[in-house]
N, C-alpha and C. Protein backbone atom coordinates (compact mmCIF):
# COMPACT_ATOMS: atom_id res chain seq x y z
N MET A 1 103.25 71.05 99.45
CA MET A 1 102.94 71.60 100.74
C MET A 1 103.92 72.71 101.07
N SER A 2 103.46 73.70 101.77
CA SER A 2 104.27 74.85 102.12
C SER A 2 105.29 74.49 103.21
N SER A 3 106.50 75.05 103.09
CA SER A 3 107.52 74.81 104.12
C SER A 3 107.54 75.93 105.15
N ILE A 4 106.68 76.93 104.98
CA ILE A 4 106.59 78.02 105.95
C ILE A 4 105.70 77.56 107.11
N PRO A 5 106.22 77.63 108.35
CA PRO A 5 105.40 77.18 109.48
C PRO A 5 104.17 78.07 109.68
N ILE A 6 103.11 77.46 110.14
CA ILE A 6 101.88 78.22 110.38
C ILE A 6 102.04 79.03 111.66
N LYS A 7 101.33 80.15 111.72
CA LYS A 7 101.42 81.03 112.89
C LYS A 7 100.23 80.88 113.81
N LYS A 8 99.11 80.44 113.26
CA LYS A 8 97.92 80.24 114.09
C LYS A 8 97.29 78.90 113.72
N PRO A 9 96.53 78.32 114.65
CA PRO A 9 95.93 77.01 114.39
C PRO A 9 95.02 77.03 113.16
N ARG A 10 95.04 75.94 112.44
CA ARG A 10 94.16 75.75 111.28
C ARG A 10 93.37 74.47 111.50
N GLN A 11 92.13 74.49 111.00
CA GLN A 11 91.27 73.32 111.19
C GLN A 11 90.44 73.10 109.93
N VAL A 12 90.32 71.85 109.53
CA VAL A 12 89.44 71.48 108.42
C VAL A 12 88.59 70.30 108.88
N GLU A 13 87.37 70.25 108.34
CA GLU A 13 86.44 69.18 108.70
C GLU A 13 85.81 68.65 107.42
N ILE A 14 85.53 67.36 107.44
CA ILE A 14 84.84 66.75 106.31
C ILE A 14 83.98 65.60 106.83
N GLU A 15 82.75 65.52 106.32
CA GLU A 15 81.86 64.42 106.69
C GLU A 15 81.94 63.35 105.62
N ARG A 16 81.98 62.11 106.04
CA ARG A 16 82.06 60.98 105.14
C ARG A 16 81.25 59.81 105.69
N ILE A 17 81.01 58.84 104.83
CA ILE A 17 80.38 57.58 105.24
C ILE A 17 81.43 56.49 105.08
N TYR A 18 81.68 55.76 106.16
CA TYR A 18 82.64 54.66 106.14
C TYR A 18 81.95 53.43 106.71
N GLN A 19 81.88 52.40 105.91
CA GLN A 19 81.21 51.15 106.29
C GLN A 19 79.82 51.43 106.85
N ASN A 20 79.05 52.20 106.10
CA ASN A 20 77.67 52.58 106.44
C ASN A 20 77.54 53.39 107.73
N ASN A 21 78.61 53.96 108.21
CA ASN A 21 78.58 54.82 109.39
C ASN A 21 78.96 56.24 109.00
N HIS A 22 78.17 57.21 109.45
CA HIS A 22 78.49 58.61 109.21
C HIS A 22 79.59 59.02 110.17
N LEU A 23 80.60 59.70 109.62
CA LEU A 23 81.74 60.15 110.41
C LEU A 23 82.05 61.60 110.07
N LEU A 24 82.64 62.28 111.02
CA LEU A 24 83.22 63.59 110.76
C LEU A 24 84.70 63.49 111.08
N LEU A 25 85.52 63.84 110.12
CA LEU A 25 86.97 63.87 110.33
C LEU A 25 87.37 65.33 110.51
N ARG A 26 88.06 65.60 111.60
CA ARG A 26 88.49 66.97 111.91
C ARG A 26 90.01 66.95 112.09
N LEU A 27 90.71 67.66 111.22
CA LEU A 27 92.16 67.77 111.30
C LEU A 27 92.51 69.17 111.78
N ARG A 28 93.30 69.23 112.83
CA ARG A 28 93.70 70.52 113.39
C ARG A 28 95.23 70.55 113.43
N VAL A 29 95.81 71.59 112.82
CA VAL A 29 97.26 71.77 112.80
C VAL A 29 97.57 73.05 113.58
N MET A 30 98.52 72.93 114.52
CA MET A 30 98.85 74.05 115.41
C MET A 30 100.36 74.24 115.45
N PRO A 31 100.79 75.48 115.69
CA PRO A 31 102.23 75.67 115.89
C PRO A 31 102.64 75.03 117.22
N GLY A 32 103.77 74.37 117.22
CA GLY A 32 104.25 73.72 118.44
C GLY A 32 105.66 74.18 118.77
N ALA A 33 106.18 73.68 119.87
CA ALA A 33 107.52 74.06 120.32
C ALA A 33 108.59 73.61 119.33
N TYR A 34 108.38 72.46 118.67
CA TYR A 34 109.38 71.90 117.76
C TYR A 34 108.84 71.78 116.34
N GLY A 35 107.99 72.68 115.95
CA GLY A 35 107.38 72.61 114.62
C GLY A 35 105.88 72.57 114.77
N GLU A 36 105.24 71.99 113.80
CA GLU A 36 103.78 71.94 113.82
C GLU A 36 103.30 70.64 114.46
N GLU A 37 102.21 70.74 115.17
CA GLU A 37 101.57 69.57 115.77
C GLU A 37 100.20 69.43 115.14
N ALA A 38 99.75 68.19 115.01
CA ALA A 38 98.44 67.95 114.39
C ALA A 38 97.65 66.96 115.23
N THR A 39 96.35 67.17 115.24
CA THR A 39 95.45 66.20 115.87
C THR A 39 94.38 65.84 114.85
N LEU A 40 93.97 64.61 114.88
CA LEU A 40 92.89 64.14 114.01
C LEU A 40 91.80 63.59 114.92
N GLN A 41 90.62 64.16 114.80
CA GLN A 41 89.47 63.67 115.57
C GLN A 41 88.52 62.96 114.62
N VAL A 42 87.95 61.88 115.10
CA VAL A 42 86.91 61.17 114.37
C VAL A 42 85.66 61.24 115.23
N LEU A 43 84.65 61.94 114.74
CA LEU A 43 83.39 62.05 115.48
C LEU A 43 82.36 61.11 114.87
N ARG A 44 81.67 60.40 115.73
CA ARG A 44 80.58 59.53 115.28
C ARG A 44 79.59 59.41 116.42
N GLY A 45 78.47 58.83 116.14
CA GLY A 45 77.46 58.62 117.17
C GLY A 45 76.96 59.92 117.76
N ALA A 46 76.91 59.98 119.10
CA ALA A 46 76.36 61.14 119.81
C ALA A 46 77.18 62.40 119.55
N ALA A 47 78.50 62.26 119.48
CA ALA A 47 79.35 63.44 119.22
C ALA A 47 79.07 64.02 117.84
N LEU A 48 78.88 63.15 116.85
CA LEU A 48 78.57 63.62 115.50
C LEU A 48 77.19 64.27 115.47
N LYS A 49 76.24 63.67 116.16
CA LYS A 49 74.88 64.23 116.19
C LYS A 49 74.90 65.63 116.82
N PHE A 50 75.64 65.79 117.91
CA PHE A 50 75.77 67.09 118.56
C PHE A 50 76.40 68.11 117.60
N TYR A 51 77.46 67.70 116.90
CA TYR A 51 78.13 68.56 115.93
C TYR A 51 77.14 69.00 114.85
N GLN A 52 76.36 68.05 114.32
CA GLN A 52 75.40 68.35 113.26
C GLN A 52 74.31 69.30 113.76
N GLN A 53 73.86 69.12 115.00
CA GLN A 53 72.85 70.02 115.57
C GLN A 53 73.41 71.43 115.71
N GLN A 54 74.66 71.54 116.13
CA GLN A 54 75.30 72.85 116.26
C GLN A 54 75.41 73.53 114.90
N LYS A 55 75.82 72.76 113.89
CA LYS A 55 75.94 73.30 112.53
C LYS A 55 74.59 73.77 112.01
N LEU A 56 73.55 72.97 112.25
CA LEU A 56 72.20 73.32 111.81
C LEU A 56 71.72 74.59 112.50
N SER A 57 72.03 74.72 113.78
CA SER A 57 71.66 75.92 114.52
C SER A 57 72.33 77.16 113.93
N LEU A 58 73.62 77.05 113.61
CA LEU A 58 74.34 78.17 113.00
C LEU A 58 73.78 78.50 111.62
N LEU A 59 73.46 77.47 110.83
CA LEU A 59 72.86 77.69 109.52
C LEU A 59 71.53 78.41 109.64
N SER A 60 70.73 78.00 110.62
CA SER A 60 69.43 78.64 110.83
C SER A 60 69.60 80.11 111.19
N GLN A 61 70.55 80.41 112.07
CA GLN A 61 70.80 81.80 112.46
C GLN A 61 71.27 82.63 111.26
N ASP A 62 72.18 82.05 110.46
CA ASP A 62 72.67 82.74 109.27
C ASP A 62 71.53 83.00 108.28
N THR A 63 70.65 82.02 108.13
CA THR A 63 69.53 82.15 107.21
C THR A 63 68.60 83.28 107.64
N LEU A 64 68.32 83.35 108.93
CA LEU A 64 67.47 84.44 109.43
C LEU A 64 68.11 85.81 109.21
N LYS A 65 69.41 85.90 109.45
CA LYS A 65 70.11 87.17 109.23
C LYS A 65 70.03 87.58 107.76
N LEU A 66 70.27 86.62 106.87
CA LEU A 66 70.22 86.92 105.44
C LEU A 66 68.81 87.31 105.01
N GLY A 67 67.80 86.64 105.55
CA GLY A 67 66.42 86.98 105.24
C GLY A 67 66.09 88.40 105.66
N LYS A 68 66.56 88.79 106.85
CA LYS A 68 66.33 90.16 107.33
C LYS A 68 67.05 91.18 106.45
N GLN A 69 68.29 90.84 106.05
CA GLN A 69 69.04 91.73 105.16
C GLN A 69 68.33 91.88 103.82
N LEU A 70 67.81 90.78 103.29
CA LEU A 70 67.08 90.83 102.02
C LEU A 70 65.83 91.70 102.16
N GLN A 71 65.14 91.54 103.26
CA GLN A 71 63.94 92.34 103.49
C GLN A 71 64.28 93.84 103.53
N ILE A 72 65.37 94.18 104.16
CA ILE A 72 65.81 95.58 104.22
C ILE A 72 66.14 96.09 102.83
N LYS A 73 66.86 95.29 102.04
CA LYS A 73 67.24 95.71 100.68
C LYS A 73 66.00 95.90 99.80
N ILE A 74 65.05 95.00 99.89
CA ILE A 74 63.83 95.12 99.10
C ILE A 74 63.05 96.36 99.52
N ASN A 75 63.03 96.64 100.81
CA ASN A 75 62.37 97.85 101.29
C ASN A 75 63.06 99.10 100.75
N GLN A 76 64.38 99.07 100.67
CA GLN A 76 65.12 100.20 100.10
C GLN A 76 64.77 100.40 98.63
N ILE A 77 64.66 99.31 97.89
CA ILE A 77 64.26 99.40 96.48
C ILE A 77 62.87 100.00 96.39
N TYR A 78 61.97 99.52 97.22
CA TYR A 78 60.59 100.02 97.21
C TYR A 78 60.55 101.52 97.49
N CYS A 79 61.31 101.96 98.48
CA CYS A 79 61.29 103.37 98.86
C CYS A 79 61.95 104.28 97.82
N ARG A 80 62.87 103.72 97.03
CA ARG A 80 63.61 104.54 96.06
C ARG A 80 63.18 104.32 94.62
N GLN A 81 62.18 103.49 94.40
CA GLN A 81 61.81 103.14 93.03
C GLN A 81 61.36 104.35 92.21
N HIS A 82 60.85 105.36 92.87
CA HIS A 82 60.39 106.55 92.14
C HIS A 82 61.54 107.41 91.64
N LEU A 83 62.74 107.22 92.19
CA LEU A 83 63.90 108.03 91.80
C LEU A 83 64.45 107.63 90.43
N ALA A 84 64.41 106.35 90.15
CA ALA A 84 64.89 105.84 88.86
C ALA A 84 64.20 104.51 88.61
N PRO A 85 63.89 104.24 87.36
CA PRO A 85 63.23 102.96 87.08
C PRO A 85 64.16 101.79 87.38
N PHE A 86 63.63 100.82 88.08
CA PHE A 86 64.40 99.62 88.42
C PHE A 86 64.16 98.60 87.32
N GLN A 87 65.16 97.81 87.02
CA GLN A 87 65.02 96.83 85.95
C GLN A 87 64.02 95.76 86.34
N LEU A 88 62.98 95.63 85.53
CA LEU A 88 61.93 94.65 85.80
C LEU A 88 62.48 93.23 85.75
N ASP A 89 63.45 92.99 84.86
CA ASP A 89 64.05 91.65 84.75
C ASP A 89 64.65 91.21 86.09
N SER A 90 65.31 92.14 86.76
CA SER A 90 65.91 91.80 88.06
C SER A 90 64.85 91.43 89.08
N LEU A 91 63.75 92.15 89.08
CA LEU A 91 62.67 91.85 90.03
C LEU A 91 62.01 90.51 89.71
N LEU A 92 61.84 90.21 88.42
CA LEU A 92 61.24 88.93 88.05
C LEU A 92 62.17 87.77 88.41
N THR A 93 63.46 87.96 88.21
CA THR A 93 64.43 86.94 88.60
C THR A 93 64.42 86.75 90.11
N LEU A 94 64.36 87.85 90.85
CA LEU A 94 64.29 87.79 92.31
C LEU A 94 63.03 87.05 92.75
N GLN A 95 61.92 87.34 92.09
CA GLN A 95 60.66 86.67 92.45
C GLN A 95 60.75 85.16 92.22
N LYS A 96 61.38 84.73 91.12
CA LYS A 96 61.56 83.30 90.87
C LYS A 96 62.45 82.67 91.94
N LEU A 97 63.50 83.38 92.29
CA LEU A 97 64.40 82.90 93.34
C LEU A 97 63.66 82.75 94.66
N LEU A 98 62.85 83.74 95.01
CA LEU A 98 62.09 83.67 96.26
C LEU A 98 61.05 82.56 96.22
N ASP A 99 60.45 82.31 95.05
CA ASP A 99 59.52 81.19 94.91
C ASP A 99 60.24 79.87 95.18
N ASN A 100 61.46 79.73 94.65
CA ASN A 100 62.25 78.51 94.88
C ASN A 100 62.60 78.36 96.36
N VAL A 101 62.99 79.45 96.99
CA VAL A 101 63.31 79.42 98.42
C VAL A 101 62.08 79.03 99.23
N GLU A 102 60.94 79.60 98.89
CA GLU A 102 59.70 79.27 99.59
C GLU A 102 59.37 77.79 99.45
N HIS A 103 59.57 77.25 98.26
CA HIS A 103 59.32 75.82 98.05
C HIS A 103 60.27 74.97 98.90
N GLN A 104 61.53 75.35 98.96
CA GLN A 104 62.50 74.61 99.77
C GLN A 104 62.12 74.65 101.25
N VAL A 105 61.69 75.81 101.72
CA VAL A 105 61.28 75.94 103.13
C VAL A 105 60.07 75.06 103.40
N GLU A 106 59.11 75.05 102.48
CA GLU A 106 57.92 74.20 102.65
C GLU A 106 58.31 72.73 102.70
N CYS A 107 59.27 72.31 101.88
CA CYS A 107 59.73 70.92 101.89
C CYS A 107 60.38 70.57 103.23
N ILE A 108 61.19 71.47 103.75
CA ILE A 108 61.85 71.23 105.04
C ILE A 108 60.81 71.13 106.15
N ILE A 109 59.84 72.03 106.15
CA ILE A 109 58.78 71.99 107.16
C ILE A 109 57.99 70.70 107.05
N SER A 110 57.68 70.29 105.84
CA SER A 110 56.93 69.04 105.63
C SER A 110 57.72 67.84 106.15
N GLN A 111 59.02 67.80 105.85
CA GLN A 111 59.86 66.70 106.35
C GLN A 111 59.92 66.70 107.87
N GLN A 112 60.03 67.87 108.47
CA GLN A 112 60.07 67.97 109.93
C GLN A 112 58.76 67.49 110.54
N ASN A 113 57.64 67.86 109.92
CA ASN A 113 56.34 67.42 110.42
C ASN A 113 56.19 65.91 110.34
N HIS A 114 56.70 65.29 109.26
CA HIS A 114 56.62 63.83 109.13
C HIS A 114 57.52 63.13 110.15
N GLN A 115 58.68 63.73 110.44
CA GLN A 115 59.59 63.13 111.42
C GLN A 115 59.03 63.22 112.84
N ASN A 116 58.23 64.24 113.10
CA ASN A 116 57.67 64.44 114.44
C ASN A 116 56.43 63.60 114.70
N LEU A 117 55.92 62.92 113.67
CA LEU A 117 54.72 62.09 113.87
C LEU A 117 55.04 60.82 114.61
């Protein structure tokens, strides 16, 4: 472990199962008046569910941003394809990747539909 004191707060989180209960352990280390101070939070039940919903919301937002960025990049390739030949292998690999992503999205939608019944 480093003997240099931290200058700004650090936080790590990990989800685990303990005695068949889902838990989130959150360790936060902060600079204090007499050295470093640490807090350990254990989230379970409603607090854990709220945390998971927040994480899922952030993941969804990130996914949409990445999808839009991908769409822009593909449009750029389409608009510039006449300038130089694009490697067909790259496009075929991209198409396989997109097929896999589409399948994963369909599975998530299917699971959500079954949970809502």
